[in-house]
Amino acid sequence: MARKRTFTSWTTALKNHLYSTRRLTVLSCPAADLSSQPGETEAQFRIRLRQKVRENRDLAAEKLRRKYAARLQTLAGRLARAADRIEKQQAQQSSKRLSAAVSFGSTVLSALLGRRALNASSVSRAGSTIRNASAAAEKAGDVRNAEEQHQLLQQQYDELQLELENELQEVTSAHDADLLPLEQHQIPPRKADIVINGVSLLWLPFDSSGNPAF
């Protein structure tokens, strides 16, 4: 113990012992591209993992919303124009119905109050009544077509919205930190990285019972 080379051999033995027995345990989550830091516990690592997964989830969700935004906006514009078209067609239909009703009433009243049941004027008014009635019926068909187009567009919009919600749900499920598997790695040290500053000898005297004497 008084020779220097003894401490040198002990230093080498300690380095060999550390090299063969000591390992650094590292946790990793490949799905989140995250690994634990030296000395970090699993609980601490999972806290960082949850934060990273939330950030990844928000980015993925925002990217998905941007992907659907243009299509939803286009359908919303078409829906608005279709609703305006229905309102316009309904207004025109009401106008044609009123015109036909007024024309019909005028024709009947003229026929009842006139001296002769039929004349050129009453025939002309009767023809006008028929044309107004036909136009009103045509506008009714236009209203139905406009409503059907609006319903079709609404269905397409709802289906696209549901598709987006389903994909968002998949993103949320895929970014659940508590469900992501963890991998454990044992990293051995390199001898070149093991540095022993010094080896000292500590002498502790014991009494006859094997207890420290101090």
Protein backbone atom coordinates (compact mmCIF):
# COMPACT_ATOMS: atom_id res chain seq x y z
CA MET A 1 0.00 0.00 0.00
CA ALA A 2 3.00 2.27 0.36
CA ARG A 3 4.02 1.77 -3.25
CA LYS A 4 2.72 4.16 -5.90
CA ARG A 5 2.21 1.51 -8.53
CA THR A 6 -0.30 -0.21 -6.25
CA PHE A 7 -2.62 2.79 -6.52
CA THR A 8 -2.06 2.84 -10.26
CA SER A 9 -3.18 -0.78 -10.51
CA TRP A 10 -6.19 -0.02 -8.31
CA THR A 11 -7.09 2.89 -10.60
CA THR A 12 -6.95 0.59 -13.61
CA ALA A 13 -9.01 -2.05 -11.81
CA LEU A 14 -11.66 0.53 -10.88
CA LYS A 15 -11.84 1.77 -14.47
CA ASN A 16 -12.26 -1.81 -15.73
CA HIS A 17 -14.98 -2.40 -13.14
CA LEU A 18 -16.90 0.71 -14.18
CA TYR A 19 -16.52 -0.19 -17.85
CA SER A 20 -17.94 -3.68 -17.38
CA THR A 21 -20.73 -2.95 -14.88
CA ARG A 22 -22.00 0.58 -15.38
CA ARG A 23 -24.63 1.33 -18.05
CA LEU A 24 -26.58 4.45 -18.95
CA THR A 25 -30.28 3.69 -19.30
CA VAL A 26 -31.92 5.80 -21.99
CA LEU A 27 -35.64 5.83 -22.79
CA SER A 28 -36.76 6.74 -26.27
CA CYS A 29 -40.03 7.19 -28.12
CA PRO A 30 -39.39 6.74 -31.87
CA ALA A 31 -42.93 7.91 -32.75
CA ALA A 32 -42.20 11.31 -31.18
CA ASP A 33 -38.48 11.34 -32.07
CA LEU A 34 -37.59 12.00 -28.43
CA SER A 35 -35.08 10.46 -26.01
CA SER A 36 -34.51 10.89 -22.30
CA GLN A 37 -31.60 12.87 -20.95
CA PRO A 38 -28.92 11.46 -18.62
CA GLY A 39 -30.25 11.32 -15.07
CA GLU A 40 -33.83 11.94 -16.16
CA THR A 41 -36.42 9.64 -14.58
CA GLU A 42 -39.18 7.96 -16.56
CA ALA A 43 -41.79 10.26 -14.95
CA GLN A 44 -39.80 13.34 -15.95
CA PHE A 45 -39.32 11.98 -19.47
CA ARG A 46 -43.04 11.31 -19.86
CA ILE A 47 -43.82 14.91 -18.90
CA ARG A 48 -41.54 16.13 -21.70
CA LEU A 49 -43.00 13.51 -24.02
CA ARG A 50 -46.57 14.68 -23.41
CA GLN A 51 -45.58 18.25 -24.19
CA LYS A 52 -43.81 17.22 -27.40
CA VAL A 53 -46.73 15.02 -28.47
CA ARG A 54 -49.22 17.85 -27.87
CA GLU A 55 -47.11 20.16 -30.02
CA ASN A 56 -46.90 17.54 -32.78
CA ARG A 57 -50.65 16.92 -32.54
CA ASP A 58 -51.47 20.63 -32.84
CA LEU A 59 -49.19 21.00 -35.85
CA ALA A 60 -50.71 17.96 -37.55
CA ALA A 61 -54.25 19.18 -36.83
CA GLU A 62 -53.50 22.65 -38.18
CA LYS A 63 -51.96 21.17 -41.32
CA LEU A 64 -55.07 19.03 -41.78
CA ARG A 65 -57.40 22.01 -41.34
CA ARG A 66 -55.44 23.99 -43.93
CA LYS A 67 -55.74 21.04 -46.30
CA TYR A 68 -59.56 21.09 -46.05
CA ALA A 69 -60.01 24.86 -45.70
CA ALA A 70 -60.04 25.70 -49.41
CA ARG A 71 -62.54 22.96 -50.28
CA LEU A 72 -64.85 23.88 -47.39
CA GLN A 73 -64.64 27.55 -48.30
CA THR A 74 -65.51 26.78 -51.93
CA LEU A 75 -68.55 24.72 -50.90
CA ALA A 76 -69.63 27.39 -48.42
CA GLY A 77 -69.54 29.96 -51.22
CA ARG A 78 -71.60 27.72 -53.47
CA LEU A 79 -74.10 27.16 -50.66
CA ALA A 80 -74.49 30.90 -50.16
CA ARG A 81 -75.05 31.46 -53.88
CA ALA A 82 -77.52 28.56 -53.99
CA ALA A 83 -79.47 30.06 -51.07
CA ASP A 84 -79.58 33.42 -52.87
CA ARG A 85 -80.79 31.65 -56.00
CA ILE A 86 -83.62 29.97 -54.04
CA GLU A 87 -84.69 33.29 -52.57
CA LYS A 88 -84.63 34.94 -55.99
CA GLN A 89 -86.57 32.11 -57.64
CA GLN A 90 -89.14 32.11 -54.83
CA ALA A 91 -89.61 35.87 -55.22
CA GLN A 92 -90.09 35.51 -58.97
CA GLN A 93 -92.47 32.60 -58.44
CA SER A 94 -94.57 34.67 -56.04
CA SER A 95 -94.64 37.53 -58.55
CA LYS A 96 -95.73 35.22 -61.37
CA ARG A 97 -98.42 33.64 -59.20
CA LEU A 98 -99.76 37.06 -58.23
CA SER A 99 -99.74 38.20 -61.86
CA ALA A 100 -101.55 35.06 -62.95
CA ALA A 101 -104.13 35.44 -60.18
CA VAL A 102 -104.76 39.10 -61.02
CA SER A 103 -104.99 38.33 -64.73
CA PHE A 104 -107.38 35.44 -64.09
CA GLY A 105 -109.57 37.55 -61.83
CA SER A 106 -109.66 40.37 -64.34
CA THR A 107 -110.62 38.02 -67.14
CA VAL A 108 -113.42 36.38 -65.16
CA LEU A 109 -114.71 39.73 -63.93
CA SER A 110 -114.68 41.16 -67.45
CA ALA A 111 -116.50 38.15 -68.78
CA LEU A 112 -119.16 38.37 -66.08
CA LEU A 113 -119.70 42.11 -66.31
CA GLY A 114 -119.22 42.58 -70.05
CA ARG A 115 -122.13 42.83 -72.43
CA ARG A 116 -120.79 39.96 -74.50
CA ALA A 117 -119.33 36.80 -73.03
CA LEU A 118 -116.44 36.68 -75.46
CA ASN A 119 -114.72 39.38 -77.45
CA ALA A 120 -111.21 40.08 -78.66
CA SER A 121 -110.23 41.73 -75.40
CA SER A 122 -111.45 38.89 -73.21
CA VAL A 123 -109.72 36.33 -75.43
CA SER A 124 -106.48 38.31 -75.17
CA ARG A 125 -106.78 38.50 -71.38
CA ALA A 126 -107.49 34.77 -71.23
CA GLY A 127 -104.34 34.10 -73.24
CA SER A 128 -102.35 36.33 -70.91
CA THR A 129 -103.76 34.44 -67.92
CA ILE A 130 -102.64 31.12 -69.40
CA ARG A 131 -99.16 32.46 -70.12
CA ASN A 132 -98.83 33.85 -66.59
CA ALA A 133 -99.97 30.55 -65.12
CA SER A 134 -97.44 28.66 -67.27
CA ALA A 135 -94.69 31.06 -66.20
CA ALA A 136 -95.65 30.57 -62.54
CA ALA A 137 -95.50 26.79 -62.98
CA GLU A 138 -92.10 27.13 -64.67
CA LYS A 139 -90.80 29.26 -61.78
CA ALA A 140 -92.07 26.61 -59.34
CA GLY A 141 -89.88 24.10 -61.17
CA ASP A 142 -86.94 26.50 -61.00
CA VAL A 143 -87.44 26.80 -57.24
CA ARG A 144 -87.44 23.01 -56.85
CA ASN A 145 -84.28 22.72 -58.91
CA ALA A 146 -82.58 25.44 -56.85
CA GLU A 147 -83.62 23.71 -53.60
CA GLU A 148 -82.35 20.35 -54.83
CA GLN A 149 -79.03 21.92 -55.82
CA HIS A 150 -78.78 23.54 -52.39
CA GLN A 151 -79.51 20.21 -50.66
CA LEU A 152 -76.85 18.48 -52.76
CA LEU A 153 -74.27 21.12 -51.89
CA GLN A 154 -75.24 20.95 -48.20
CA GLN A 155 -74.76 17.18 -48.27
CA GLN A 156 -71.33 17.54 -49.87
CA TYR A 157 -70.36 20.15 -47.27
CA ASP A 158 -71.54 17.96 -44.37
CA GLU A 159 -69.71 14.91 -45.74
CA LEU A 160 -66.49 16.89 -46.14
CA GLN A 161 -66.85 18.31 -42.63
CA LEU A 162 -67.38 14.80 -41.25
CA GLU A 163 -64.33 13.56 -43.15
CA LEU A 164 -62.26 16.31 -41.58
CA GLU A 165 -63.56 15.50 -38.09
CA ASN A 166 -62.75 11.80 -38.55
CA GLU A 167 -59.20 12.58 -39.65
CA LEU A 168 -58.78 14.97 -36.72
CA GLN A 169 -59.92 12.19 -34.40
CA GLU A 170 -57.33 9.87 -35.94
CA VAL A 171 -54.65 12.51 -35.39
CA THR A 172 -55.70 12.85 -31.74
CA SER A 173 -55.62 9.07 -31.21
CA ALA A 174 -52.23 8.76 -32.89
CA HIS A 175 -50.82 11.50 -30.63
CA ASP A 176 -51.79 10.05 -27.25
CA ALA A 177 -48.56 10.11 -25.23
CA ASP A 178 -49.83 7.48 -22.77
CA LEU A 179 -50.36 4.99 -25.61
CA LEU A 180 -47.02 5.50 -27.35
CA PRO A 181 -44.56 2.67 -26.65
CA LEU A 182 -41.21 3.43 -25.02
CA GLU A 183 -37.95 1.72 -25.83
CA GLN A 184 -35.19 1.19 -23.30
CA HIS A 185 -31.54 1.24 -24.30
CA GLN A 186 -28.49 0.34 -22.24
CA ILE A 187 -25.50 2.41 -23.36
CA PRO A 188 -22.09 1.21 -22.15
CA PRO A 189 -19.35 3.74 -21.43
CA ARG A 190 -16.20 4.15 -23.47
CA LYS A 191 -12.95 3.59 -21.62
CA ALA A 192 -11.63 6.84 -23.04
CA ASP A 193 -14.53 8.67 -21.33
CA ILE A 194 -13.88 7.17 -17.88
CA VAL A 195 -11.76 9.56 -15.85
CA ILE A 196 -10.69 8.71 -12.29
CA ASN A 197 -9.21 11.71 -10.53
CA GLY A 198 -7.54 9.63 -7.85
CA VAL A 199 -7.69 6.56 -5.61
CA SER A 200 -7.23 6.96 -1.86
CA LEU A 201 -6.95 4.48 0.97
CA LEU A 202 -9.20 5.00 4.00
CA TRP A 203 -8.35 3.10 7.18
CA LEU A 204 -11.21 2.52 9.63
CA PRO A 205 -10.25 0.80 12.88
CA PHE A 206 -12.70 -1.67 14.36
CA ASP A 207 -13.04 -3.05 17.84
CA SER A 208 -13.14 -6.73 18.73
CA SER A 209 -16.89 -6.85 17.96
CA GLY A 210 -16.41 -5.65 14.40
CA ASN A 211 -17.85 -2.21 15.01
CA PRO A 212 -16.09 1.04 14.09
CA ALA A 213 -13.92 2.17 16.95
CA PHE A 214 -15.01 5.80 16.67
